[in-house]
Amino acid sequence: MREKIPQNSRRNFLMKIATGSAVTVTASVAAPGIALAAEKPKHYGMLIDTRRCIGCHACSVSCKTENEVPLGETRSWVEYIEKGRFPNVHRSFLPRLCNQCEKPACVKVCPTGATYKRKEDGVVVIDNDVCIGCKYCLQACPYGMRFLNPITGAADKCDFCLHRIDNGLVPACVNTCQGRARIFGDLNDPESEISKVLANNATTVLRPEMGTFPNVFYIDADHTDERDAARTGEYVRVETHRRQLKRV
C-alpha cells in the first residue's frame, strides 16, 4: 500500500514554490511587453520619394477637394525646381505640406492653445472653435505652411486628413498619388512600410537648422533655393504654383 503524503510535506512545499515561481516568471515576462506597448503610441509621418514624383499636382487637387480648401489657398502643393548651366538644365519636383514637427514652433506661440500636438498620434492640429485668428502661428512656421482661412476665420493647414486617418484610411494625397511617391504610416511601428523604407534609404527634411524635427521625410529631394544661384553661379528657378509665389 502506497504511503499517503501529508499535505504539509516537504514535497508539496517544494511543488508549491516551483508552481508559484513559474507564475511569477510568466507575469514578469509578460508585464514589460504590455508596458512597452503602452509607452509607444502611434506616431504618424510621411515619406516622399521625389524620384517617383512627376509633378502632376494630383495630390494638390485631391487635397483641396477632400478638405474644401478655399480658392487661392493651399494645404499641399508641388514646387518646380529648375537649375543648371545651359545646355545642362534639368527640372525636379518638391511636394510640400505641413511637416507635423516633433517640436512645432506654431504650438509654442499659440496664445489660446488652439494649435496643439495630439498625444495619440503626434499630428499637429488646429481647433477652429478656439483659434482667434491672431496669425502668430503663421509667422512662427518656418516653412510657410499655414494660412488664415477666409471662411472660418481660423488658421488652417494640412492635418494628414484627420477625418480619414481616424477611420483607418490614408491621407487623400497619398491615395491619389499616381507615381506612388508618398508613404504614410506609423513611425513607431518597425513593421510599417514607412519605417522599413526609412531604414533602408537616405532621407532629408526641410530646413533642419530650424530645430523643429519634421516628420515629413524626402528621398533624393533637391532643396536648392534661388538664393543659391549667386553662390553656385547656376541658373536656379523655383516655381510654387500658389498665391505665395516665392518659397519661404
C-alpha atoms as a PDB file:
ATOM      1  CA  MET A   1       0.000   0.000   0.000  1.00  0.00           C
ATOM      2  CA  ARG A   2       1.396   3.447  -1.065  1.00  0.00           C
ATOM      3  CA  GLU A   3       2.070   5.767   1.811  1.00  0.00           C
ATOM      4  CA  LYS A   4      -0.153   8.843   1.836  1.00  0.00           C
ATOM      5  CA  ILE A   5       1.879  12.040   1.691  1.00  0.00           C
ATOM      6  CA  PRO A   6       0.817  14.642   4.269  1.00  0.00           C
ATOM      7  CA  GLN A   7      -0.491  18.000   2.923  1.00  0.00           C
ATOM      8  CA  ASN A   8       2.332  19.850   4.651  1.00  0.00           C
ATOM      9  CA  SER A   9       5.092  17.546   3.419  1.00  0.00           C
ATOM     10  CA  ARG A  10       8.391  18.841   2.061  1.00  0.00           C
ATOM     11  CA  ARG A  11       7.495  17.638  -1.426  1.00  0.00           C
ATOM     12  CA  ASN A  12       4.235  19.573  -1.513  1.00  0.00           C
ATOM     13  CA  PHE A  13       6.017  22.597  -0.152  1.00  0.00           C
ATOM     14  CA  LEU A  14       8.630  22.477  -2.934  1.00  0.00           C
ATOM     15  CA  MET A  15       5.971  21.900  -5.576  1.00  0.00           C
ATOM     16  CA  LYS A  16       4.064  24.994  -4.425  1.00  0.00           C
ATOM     17  CA  ILE A  17       7.252  27.061  -4.597  1.00  0.00           C
ATOM     18  CA  ALA A  18       8.037  25.808  -8.100  1.00  0.00           C
ATOM     19  CA  THR A  19       4.492  26.492  -9.321  1.00  0.00           C
ATOM     20  CA  GLY A  20       4.491  29.959  -7.794  1.00  0.00           C
ATOM     21  CA  SER A  21       7.857  30.769  -9.336  1.00  0.00           C
ATOM     22  CA  ALA A  22       6.615  29.754 -12.786  1.00  0.00           C
ATOM     23  CA  VAL A  23       3.617  32.048 -12.447  1.00  0.00           C
ATOM     24  CA  THR A  24       5.861  34.882 -11.250  1.00  0.00           C
ATOM     25  CA  VAL A  25       8.298  34.402 -14.140  1.00  0.00           C
ATOM     26  CA  THR A  26       5.466  34.317 -16.680  1.00  0.00           C
ATOM     27  CA  ALA A  27       3.978  37.504 -15.242  1.00  0.00           C
ATOM     28  CA  SER A  28       7.354  39.264 -15.169  1.00  0.00           C
ATOM     29  CA  VAL A  29       7.989  38.398 -18.829  1.00  0.00           C
ATOM     30  CA  ALA A  30       4.542  39.487 -19.959  1.00  0.00           C
ATOM     31  CA  ALA A  31       4.425  42.719 -17.965  1.00  0.00           C
ATOM     32  CA  PRO A  32       7.294  44.540 -19.729  1.00  0.00           C
ATOM     33  CA  GLY A  33       5.727  43.820 -23.121  1.00  0.00           C
ATOM     34  CA  ILE A  34       2.432  45.293 -22.007  1.00  0.00           C
ATOM     35  CA  ALA A  35       4.164  48.350 -20.566  1.00  0.00           C
ATOM     36  CA  LEU A  36       6.226  48.811 -23.722  1.00  0.00           C
ATOM     37  CA  ALA A  37       3.133  48.800 -25.901  1.00  0.00           C
ATOM     38  CA  ALA A  38       1.531  51.417 -23.666  1.00  0.00           C
ATOM     39  CA  GLU A  39       4.614  53.645 -23.812  1.00  0.00           C
ATOM     40  CA  LYS A  40       4.613  53.810 -27.615  1.00  0.00           C
ATOM     41  CA  PRO A  41       1.520  55.439 -29.086  1.00  0.00           C
ATOM     42  CA  LYS A  42       1.212  55.876 -32.823  1.00  0.00           C
ATOM     43  CA  HIS A  43       3.499  58.464 -34.362  1.00  0.00           C
ATOM     44  CA  TYR A  44       2.348  59.341 -37.857  1.00  0.00           C
ATOM     45  CA  GLY A  45       4.711  60.591 -40.528  1.00  0.00           C
ATOM     46  CA  MET A  46       5.065  60.743 -44.289  1.00  0.00           C
ATOM     47  CA  LEU A  47       7.851  59.815 -46.666  1.00  0.00           C
ATOM     48  CA  ILE A  48       8.014  61.337 -50.157  1.00  0.00           C
ATOM     49  CA  ASP A  49      10.212  59.719 -52.787  1.00  0.00           C
ATOM     50  CA  THR A  50      10.871  62.550 -55.231  1.00  0.00           C
ATOM     51  CA  ARG A  51      12.312  60.065 -57.736  1.00  0.00           C
ATOM     52  CA  ARG A  52       8.750  58.897 -58.292  1.00  0.00           C
ATOM     53  CA  CYS A  53       7.084  62.337 -58.340  1.00  0.00           C
ATOM     54  CA  ILE A  54       6.075  63.510 -61.831  1.00  0.00           C
ATOM     55  CA  GLY A  55       4.727  66.925 -60.807  1.00  0.00           C
ATOM     56  CA  CYS A  56       1.161  66.112 -61.859  1.00  0.00           C
ATOM     57  CA  HIS A  57      -0.446  68.003 -58.927  1.00  0.00           C
ATOM     58  CA  ALA A  58      -2.955  65.216 -58.311  1.00  0.00           C
ATOM     59  CA  CYS A  59      -2.042  65.479 -54.618  1.00  0.00           C
ATOM     60  CA  SER A  60      -2.772  69.213 -54.561  1.00  0.00           C
ATOM     61  CA  VAL A  61      -6.127  68.818 -56.310  1.00  0.00           C
ATOM     62  CA  SER A  62      -7.265  65.928 -54.117  1.00  0.00           C
ATOM     63  CA  CYS A  63      -6.241  67.862 -51.012  1.00  0.00           C
ATOM     64  CA  LYS A  64      -8.308  70.905 -51.988  1.00  0.00           C
ATOM     65  CA  THR A  65     -11.309  68.732 -52.836  1.00  0.00           C
ATOM     66  CA  GLU A  66     -11.124  66.490 -49.774  1.00  0.00           C
ATOM     67  CA  ASN A  67     -10.674  69.343 -47.294  1.00  0.00           C
ATOM     68  CA  GLU A  68     -12.688  72.069 -49.050  1.00  0.00           C
ATOM     69  CA  VAL A  69      -9.688  74.393 -49.144  1.00  0.00           C
ATOM     70  CA  PRO A  70     -10.790  77.916 -50.217  1.00  0.00           C
ATOM     71  CA  LEU A  71      -9.782  79.233 -53.635  1.00  0.00           C
ATOM     72  CA  GLY A  72      -6.410  80.935 -53.591  1.00  0.00           C
ATOM     73  CA  GLU A  73      -5.154  78.909 -50.610  1.00  0.00           C
ATOM     74  CA  THR A  74      -3.245  75.613 -50.414  1.00  0.00           C
ATOM     75  CA  ARG A  75      -2.648  72.924 -47.827  1.00  0.00           C
ATOM     76  CA  SER A  76      -0.457  70.902 -50.172  1.00  0.00           C
ATOM     77  CA  TRP A  77       1.426  71.878 -53.289  1.00  0.00           C
ATOM     78  CA  VAL A  78       4.312  70.862 -55.567  1.00  0.00           C
ATOM     79  CA  GLU A  79       7.260  73.104 -56.323  1.00  0.00           C
ATOM     80  CA  TYR A  80       9.052  73.016 -59.674  1.00  0.00           C
ATOM     81  CA  ILE A  81      12.810  73.448 -59.376  1.00  0.00           C
ATOM     82  CA  GLU A  82      14.829  74.257 -62.488  1.00  0.00           C
ATOM     83  CA  LYS A  83      18.591  74.645 -62.307  1.00  0.00           C
ATOM     84  CA  GLY A  84      21.854  74.115 -64.149  1.00  0.00           C
ATOM     85  CA  ARG A  85      24.050  75.676 -66.803  1.00  0.00           C
ATOM     86  CA  PHE A  86      22.913  75.720 -70.413  1.00  0.00           C
ATOM     87  CA  PRO A  87      22.507  73.279 -72.046  1.00  0.00           C
ATOM     88  CA  ASN A  88      22.616  71.044 -68.966  1.00  0.00           C
ATOM     89  CA  VAL A  89      19.479  72.265 -67.241  1.00  0.00           C
ATOM     90  CA  HIS A  90      17.018  69.942 -65.531  1.00  0.00           C
ATOM     91  CA  ARG A  91      13.750  70.099 -63.610  1.00  0.00           C
ATOM     92  CA  SER A  92      12.779  68.314 -60.385  1.00  0.00           C
ATOM     93  CA  PHE A  93       9.733  68.387 -58.138  1.00  0.00           C
ATOM     94  CA  LEU A  94       9.384  69.009 -54.414  1.00  0.00           C
ATOM     95  CA  PRO A  95       5.958  68.273 -52.840  1.00  0.00           C
ATOM     96  CA  ARG A  96       5.229  70.440 -49.797  1.00  0.00           C
ATOM     97  CA  LEU A  97       2.846  70.092 -46.848  1.00  0.00           C
ATOM     98  CA  CYS A  98       2.799  70.646 -43.082  1.00  0.00           C
ATOM     99  CA  ASN A  99       5.801  68.857 -41.603  1.00  0.00           C
ATOM    100  CA  GLN A 100       3.941  67.741 -38.436  1.00  0.00           C
ATOM    101  CA  CYS A 101       7.054  68.722 -36.491  1.00  0.00           C
ATOM    102  CA  GLU A 102       8.218  66.980 -33.359  1.00  0.00           C
ATOM    103  CA  LYS A 103       8.855  70.397 -31.808  1.00  0.00           C
ATOM    104  CA  PRO A 104       6.391  72.637 -33.675  1.00  0.00           C
ATOM    105  CA  ALA A 105       7.080  76.352 -33.436  1.00  0.00           C
ATOM    106  CA  CYS A 106       3.401  77.066 -34.095  1.00  0.00           C
ATOM    107  CA  VAL A 107       2.310  75.340 -30.883  1.00  0.00           C
ATOM    108  CA  LYS A 108       4.676  77.398 -28.740  1.00  0.00           C
ATOM    109  CA  VAL A 109       3.324  80.771 -29.875  1.00  0.00           C
ATOM    110  CA  CYS A 110      -0.411  79.994 -29.882  1.00  0.00           C
ATOM    111  CA  PRO A 111      -1.939  82.149 -27.096  1.00  0.00           C
ATOM    112  CA  THR A 112      -5.162  80.145 -26.778  1.00  0.00           C
ATOM    113  CA  GLY A 113      -3.948  76.551 -27.169  1.00  0.00           C
ATOM    114  CA  ALA A 114      -5.906  76.190 -30.404  1.00  0.00           C
ATOM    115  CA  THR A 115      -2.867  74.641 -32.074  1.00  0.00           C
ATOM    116  CA  TYR A 116      -1.640  71.520 -30.328  1.00  0.00           C
ATOM    117  CA  LYS A 117       0.039  68.183 -30.964  1.00  0.00           C
ATOM    118  CA  ARG A 118      -2.193  65.137 -30.484  1.00  0.00           C
ATOM    119  CA  LYS A 119      -0.846  62.708 -27.888  1.00  0.00           C
ATOM    120  CA  GLU A 120      -2.366  59.679 -29.597  1.00  0.00           C
ATOM    121  CA  ASP A 121      -0.533  60.056 -32.918  1.00  0.00           C
ATOM    122  CA  GLY A 122       1.640  63.199 -32.942  1.00  0.00           C
ATOM    123  CA  VAL A 123      -0.406  65.083 -35.552  1.00  0.00           C
ATOM    124  CA  VAL A 124      -0.400  68.877 -35.144  1.00  0.00           C
ATOM    125  CA  VAL A 125      -3.984  70.126 -35.354  1.00  0.00           C
ATOM    126  CA  ILE A 126      -5.984  73.345 -35.024  1.00  0.00           C
ATOM    127  CA  ASP A 127      -9.199  73.733 -33.038  1.00  0.00           C
ATOM    128  CA  ASN A 128     -11.265  76.188 -35.090  1.00  0.00           C
ATOM    129  CA  ASP A 129     -13.525  76.929 -32.119  1.00  0.00           C
ATOM    130  CA  VAL A 130     -10.584  78.094 -30.021  1.00  0.00           C
ATOM    131  CA  CYS A 131      -8.464  79.849 -32.678  1.00  0.00           C
ATOM    132  CA  ILE A 132      -8.822  83.662 -32.633  1.00  0.00           C
ATOM    133  CA  GLY A 133      -7.064  84.248 -35.973  1.00  0.00           C
ATOM    134  CA  CYS A 134      -4.180  86.218 -34.481  1.00  0.00           C
ATOM    135  CA  LYS A 135      -1.736  84.871 -37.118  1.00  0.00           C
ATOM    136  CA  TYR A 136       1.054  84.238 -34.606  1.00  0.00           C
ATOM    137  CA  CYS A 137       1.375  80.670 -35.850  1.00  0.00           C
ATOM    138  CA  LEU A 138       1.561  81.837 -39.462  1.00  0.00           C
ATOM    139  CA  GLN A 139       4.564  83.966 -38.594  1.00  0.00           C
ATOM    140  CA  ALA A 140       6.200  81.272 -36.439  1.00  0.00           C
ATOM    141  CA  CYS A 141       6.064  78.441 -39.001  1.00  0.00           C
ATOM    142  CA  PRO A 142       9.470  78.389 -40.730  1.00  0.00           C
ATOM    143  CA  TYR A 143       8.023  76.508 -43.714  1.00  0.00           C
ATOM    144  CA  GLY A 144       5.170  78.827 -44.722  1.00  0.00           C
ATOM    145  CA  MET A 145       2.637  76.021 -44.391  1.00  0.00           C
ATOM    146  CA  ARG A 146      -0.191  77.931 -42.718  1.00  0.00           C
ATOM    147  CA  PHE A 147      -2.819  80.383 -43.922  1.00  0.00           C
ATOM    148  CA  LEU A 148      -5.825  82.171 -42.461  1.00  0.00           C
ATOM    149  CA  ASN A 149      -8.990  80.526 -43.760  1.00  0.00           C
ATOM    150  CA  PRO A 150     -11.249  83.334 -45.051  1.00  0.00           C
ATOM    151  CA  ILE A 151     -14.359  81.243 -44.402  1.00  0.00           C
ATOM    152  CA  THR A 152     -13.707  80.034 -40.847  1.00  0.00           C
ATOM    153  CA  GLY A 153     -11.509  82.937 -39.766  1.00  0.00           C
ATOM    154  CA  ALA A 154      -9.141  80.418 -38.174  1.00  0.00           C
ATOM    155  CA  ALA A 155      -5.637  79.293 -39.060  1.00  0.00           C
ATOM    156  CA  ASP A 156      -5.563  76.362 -41.471  1.00  0.00           C
ATOM    157  CA  LYS A 157      -3.050  73.800 -42.740  1.00  0.00           C
ATOM    158  CA  CYS A 158      -2.561  70.134 -43.621  1.00  0.00           C
ATOM    159  CA  ASP A 159      -3.551  67.750 -40.813  1.00  0.00           C
ATOM    160  CA  PHE A 160      -2.938  64.462 -42.666  1.00  0.00           C
ATOM    161  CA  CYS A 161      -6.719  64.409 -43.382  1.00  0.00           C
ATOM    162  CA  LEU A 162      -7.768  63.696 -39.797  1.00  0.00           C
ATOM    163  CA  HIS A 163     -11.219  62.514 -40.821  1.00  0.00           C
ATOM    164  CA  ARG A 164      -9.572  59.846 -42.961  1.00  0.00           C
ATOM    165  CA  ILE A 165      -6.757  58.604 -40.723  1.00  0.00           C
ATOM    166  CA  ASP A 166      -9.113  58.422 -37.725  1.00  0.00           C
ATOM    167  CA  ASN A 167     -11.093  55.907 -39.776  1.00  0.00           C
ATOM    168  CA  GLY A 168      -8.113  53.824 -40.850  1.00  0.00           C
ATOM    169  CA  LEU A 169      -7.608  55.478 -44.254  1.00  0.00           C
ATOM    170  CA  VAL A 170      -4.522  57.193 -45.644  1.00  0.00           C
ATOM    171  CA  PRO A 171      -4.494  60.936 -46.432  1.00  0.00           C
ATOM    172  CA  ALA A 172      -6.112  61.928 -49.731  1.00  0.00           C
ATOM    173  CA  CYS A 173      -2.792  62.957 -51.284  1.00  0.00           C
ATOM    174  CA  VAL A 174      -1.318  59.517 -50.614  1.00  0.00           C
ATOM    175  CA  ASN A 175      -4.365  57.783 -52.041  1.00  0.00           C
ATOM    176  CA  THR A 176      -4.271  59.892 -55.210  1.00  0.00           C
ATOM    177  CA  CYS A 177      -0.531  59.925 -55.982  1.00  0.00           C
ATOM    178  CA  GLN A 178      -0.144  58.369 -59.431  1.00  0.00           C
ATOM    179  CA  GLY A 179       3.541  57.593 -59.009  1.00  0.00           C
ATOM    180  CA  ARG A 180       3.122  56.108 -55.517  1.00  0.00           C
ATOM    181  CA  ALA A 181       5.675  58.641 -54.332  1.00  0.00           C
ATOM    182  CA  ARG A 182       4.071  59.052 -50.909  1.00  0.00           C
ATOM    183  CA  ILE A 183       4.121  56.625 -47.997  1.00  0.00           C
ATOM    184  CA  PHE A 184       2.125  57.345 -44.833  1.00  0.00           C
ATOM    185  CA  GLY A 185       2.280  55.362 -41.616  1.00  0.00           C
ATOM    186  CA  ASP A 186       3.291  54.849 -38.021  1.00  0.00           C
ATOM    187  CA  LEU A 187       6.930  55.727 -37.386  1.00  0.00           C
ATOM    188  CA  ASN A 188       6.811  53.866 -34.060  1.00  0.00           C
ATOM    189  CA  ASP A 189       5.920  50.601 -35.773  1.00  0.00           C
ATOM    190  CA  PRO A 190       9.105  48.947 -37.096  1.00  0.00           C
ATOM    191  CA  GLU A 191       6.959  46.712 -39.307  1.00  0.00           C
ATOM    192  CA  SER A 192       5.164  49.580 -41.055  1.00  0.00           C
ATOM    193  CA  GLU A 193       6.067  50.311 -44.674  1.00  0.00           C
ATOM    194  CA  ILE A 194       7.311  53.802 -43.881  1.00  0.00           C
ATOM    195  CA  SER A 195       9.638  52.530 -41.127  1.00  0.00           C
ATOM    196  CA  LYS A 196      11.115  49.886 -43.411  1.00  0.00           C
ATOM    197  CA  VAL A 197      11.725  52.329 -46.267  1.00  0.00           C
ATOM    198  CA  LEU A 198      13.260  54.897 -43.902  1.00  0.00           C
ATOM    199  CA  ALA A 199      15.590  52.241 -42.515  1.00  0.00           C
ATOM    200  CA  ASN A 200      16.918  51.418 -45.974  1.00  0.00           C
ATOM    201  CA  ASN A 201      17.181  54.843 -47.616  1.00  0.00           C
ATOM    202  CA  ALA A 202      18.998  58.109 -47.014  1.00  0.00           C
ATOM    203  CA  THR A 203      16.474  60.864 -46.349  1.00  0.00           C
ATOM    204  CA  THR A 204      16.365  64.606 -45.750  1.00  0.00           C
ATOM    205  CA  VAL A 205      13.918  67.068 -44.194  1.00  0.00           C
ATOM    206  CA  LEU A 206      13.137  70.693 -44.920  1.00  0.00           C
ATOM    207  CA  ARG A 207      15.261  73.267 -43.100  1.00  0.00           C
ATOM    208  CA  PRO A 208      16.760  71.020 -40.400  1.00  0.00           C
ATOM    209  CA  GLU A 209      18.626  74.014 -38.991  1.00  0.00           C
ATOM    210  CA  MET A 210      15.327  75.287 -37.537  1.00  0.00           C
ATOM    211  CA  GLY A 211      15.341  72.508 -34.922  1.00  0.00           C
ATOM    212  CA  THR A 212      11.666  71.577 -35.310  1.00  0.00           C
ATOM    213  CA  PHE A 213      12.410  67.958 -36.286  1.00  0.00           C
ATOM    214  CA  PRO A 214       9.920  67.444 -39.157  1.00  0.00           C
ATOM    215  CA  ASN A 215       8.065  64.152 -39.562  1.00  0.00           C
ATOM    216  CA  VAL A 216       7.843  64.519 -43.337  1.00  0.00           C
ATOM    217  CA  PHE A 217      10.897  62.945 -44.953  1.00  0.00           C
ATOM    218  CA  TYR A 218      12.232  63.089 -48.512  1.00  0.00           C
ATOM    219  CA  ILE A 219      14.241  60.701 -50.658  1.00  0.00           C
ATOM    220  CA  ASP A 220      16.535  62.335 -53.236  1.00  0.00           C
ATOM    221  CA  ALA A 221      14.967  65.772 -52.796  1.00  0.00           C
ATOM    222  CA  ASP A 222      16.567  68.866 -54.296  1.00  0.00           C
ATOM    223  CA  HIS A 223      16.424  71.622 -51.685  1.00  0.00           C
ATOM    224  CA  THR A 224      18.135  74.178 -53.916  1.00  0.00           C
ATOM    225  CA  ASP A 225      16.914  77.716 -53.344  1.00  0.00           C
ATOM    226  CA  GLU A 226      17.029  80.660 -55.758  1.00  0.00           C
ATOM    227  CA  ARG A 227      19.380  82.349 -53.304  1.00  0.00           C
ATOM    228  CA  ASP A 228      21.881  79.566 -54.003  1.00  0.00           C
ATOM    229  CA  ALA A 229      22.299  80.826 -57.577  1.00  0.00           C
ATOM    230  CA  ALA A 230      24.657  83.617 -56.513  1.00  0.00           C
ATOM    231  CA  ARG A 231      26.877  81.099 -54.729  1.00  0.00           C
ATOM    232  CA  THR A 232      26.921  78.373 -57.388  1.00  0.00           C
ATOM    233  CA  GLY A 233      26.695  80.516 -60.492  1.00  0.00           C
ATOM    234  CA  GLU A 234      23.952  78.224 -61.796  1.00  0.00           C
ATOM    235  CA  TYR A 235      20.584  79.171 -63.188  1.00  0.00           C
ATOM    236  CA  VAL A 236      18.015  78.426 -60.449  1.00  0.00           C
ATOM    237  CA  ARG A 237      14.267  78.957 -60.633  1.00  0.00           C
ATOM    238  CA  VAL A 238      11.705  77.756 -58.091  1.00  0.00           C
ATOM    239  CA  GLU A 239       8.031  77.917 -59.068  1.00  0.00           C
ATOM    240  CA  THR A 240       5.477  77.245 -56.348  1.00  0.00           C
ATOM    241  CA  HIS A 241       2.108  77.330 -58.197  1.00  0.00           C
ATOM    242  CA  ARG A 242       0.459  79.003 -55.217  1.00  0.00           C
ATOM    243  CA  ARG A 243      -0.535  82.515 -54.249  1.00  0.00           C
ATOM    244  CA  GLN A 244       2.730  82.993 -52.362  1.00  0.00           C
ATOM    245  CA  LEU A 245       4.976  82.735 -55.425  1.00  0.00           C
ATOM    246  CA  LYS A 246       8.245  82.791 -53.515  1.00  0.00           C
ATOM    247  CA  ARG A 247       9.376  79.848 -51.417  1.00  0.00           C
ATOM    248  CA  VAL A 248       9.541  80.533 -47.694  1.00  0.00           C
END
